[in-house]
Amino acid sequence: MKEERVELSLPVDVLSRLLRERVLVASDFRCLTRDADMISRKAVKASLMG
């Protein structure tokens, strides 16, 4: 059975909050563009900092 996927867009502050609250973990998502990858890395770092 093929895994179903959803493509969506989130504001960076929402992504940071989800990561900080451990509702979402970095291994759960994949960035589709270089810009999204850079922004999500910043969100991950921000969530780790506090």
C-alpha atoms as a PDB file:
ATOM      1  CA  MET A   1       0.000   0.000   0.000  1.00  0.00           C
ATOM      2  CA  LYS A   2       1.373   3.374  -1.012  1.00  0.00           C
ATOM      3  CA  GLU A   3       1.820   5.950   1.754  1.00  0.00           C
ATOM      4  CA  GLU A   4      -0.449   8.958   1.302  1.00  0.00           C
ATOM      5  CA  ARG A   5       1.133  12.409   1.571  1.00  0.00           C
ATOM      6  CA  VAL A   6      -0.117  15.968   1.880  1.00  0.00           C
ATOM      7  CA  GLU A   7       1.711  19.067   0.681  1.00  0.00           C
ATOM      8  CA  LEU A   8       1.009  22.148   2.747  1.00  0.00           C
ATOM      9  CA  SER A   9       2.373  25.500   3.763  1.00  0.00           C
ATOM     10  CA  LEU A  10       2.757  26.758   7.335  1.00  0.00           C
ATOM     11  CA  PRO A  11       3.759  30.118   8.741  1.00  0.00           C
ATOM     12  CA  VAL A  12       7.241  29.885  10.264  1.00  0.00           C
ATOM     13  CA  ASP A  13       5.959  30.806  13.728  1.00  0.00           C
ATOM     14  CA  VAL A  14       3.477  27.914  13.595  1.00  0.00           C
ATOM     15  CA  LEU A  15       6.219  25.505  12.511  1.00  0.00           C
ATOM     16  CA  SER A  16       8.444  26.744  15.336  1.00  0.00           C
ATOM     17  CA  ARG A  17       5.638  26.311  17.872  1.00  0.00           C
ATOM     18  CA  LEU A  18       4.840  22.783  16.691  1.00  0.00           C
ATOM     19  CA  LEU A  19       8.496  21.829  16.930  1.00  0.00           C
ATOM     20  CA  ARG A  20       8.949  23.492  20.321  1.00  0.00           C
ATOM     21  CA  GLU A  21       5.856  21.757  21.733  1.00  0.00           C
ATOM     22  CA  ARG A  22       7.061  18.451  20.219  1.00  0.00           C
ATOM     23  CA  VAL A  23       3.826  18.024  18.302  1.00  0.00           C
ATOM     24  CA  LEU A  24       5.945  17.721  15.166  1.00  0.00           C
ATOM     25  CA  VAL A  25       9.522  16.514  14.864  1.00  0.00           C
ATOM     26  CA  ALA A  26      11.957  17.354  12.086  1.00  0.00           C
ATOM     27  CA  SER A  27      12.078  13.758  10.878  1.00  0.00           C
ATOM     28  CA  ASP A  28       8.306  13.907  10.195  1.00  0.00           C
ATOM     29  CA  PHE A  29       8.574  16.344   7.310  1.00  0.00           C
ATOM     30  CA  ARG A  30      10.569  16.964   4.155  1.00  0.00           C
ATOM     31  CA  CYS A  31      11.183  20.313   2.492  1.00  0.00           C
ATOM     32  CA  LEU A  32      10.393  20.563  -1.194  1.00  0.00           C
ATOM     33  CA  THR A  33      12.483  23.639  -2.007  1.00  0.00           C
ATOM     34  CA  ARG A  34      15.848  25.039  -0.988  1.00  0.00           C
ATOM     35  CA  ASP A  35      14.167  28.122   0.516  1.00  0.00           C
ATOM     36  CA  ALA A  36      11.811  25.965   2.583  1.00  0.00           C
ATOM     37  CA  ASP A  37      14.772  23.917   3.774  1.00  0.00           C
ATOM     38  CA  MET A  38      16.671  26.998   4.941  1.00  0.00           C
ATOM     39  CA  ILE A  39      13.622  28.439   6.705  1.00  0.00           C
ATOM     40  CA  SER A  40      12.759  25.146   8.390  1.00  0.00           C
ATOM     41  CA  ARG A  41      16.339  24.788   9.643  1.00  0.00           C
ATOM     42  CA  LYS A  42      15.977  28.168  11.324  1.00  0.00           C
ATOM     43  CA  ALA A  43      12.682  27.037  12.867  1.00  0.00           C
ATOM     44  CA  VAL A  44      14.286  23.852  14.168  1.00  0.00           C
ATOM     45  CA  LYS A  45      17.170  25.814  15.682  1.00  0.00           C
ATOM     46  CA  ALA A  46      14.759  28.319  17.256  1.00  0.00           C
ATOM     47  CA  SER A  47      12.710  25.504  18.777  1.00  0.00           C
ATOM     48  CA  LEU A  48      15.851  23.996  20.310  1.00  0.00           C
ATOM     49  CA  MET A  49      16.948  27.311  21.770  1.00  0.00           C
ATOM     50  CA  GLY A  50      13.843  27.789  23.830  1.00  0.00           C
END
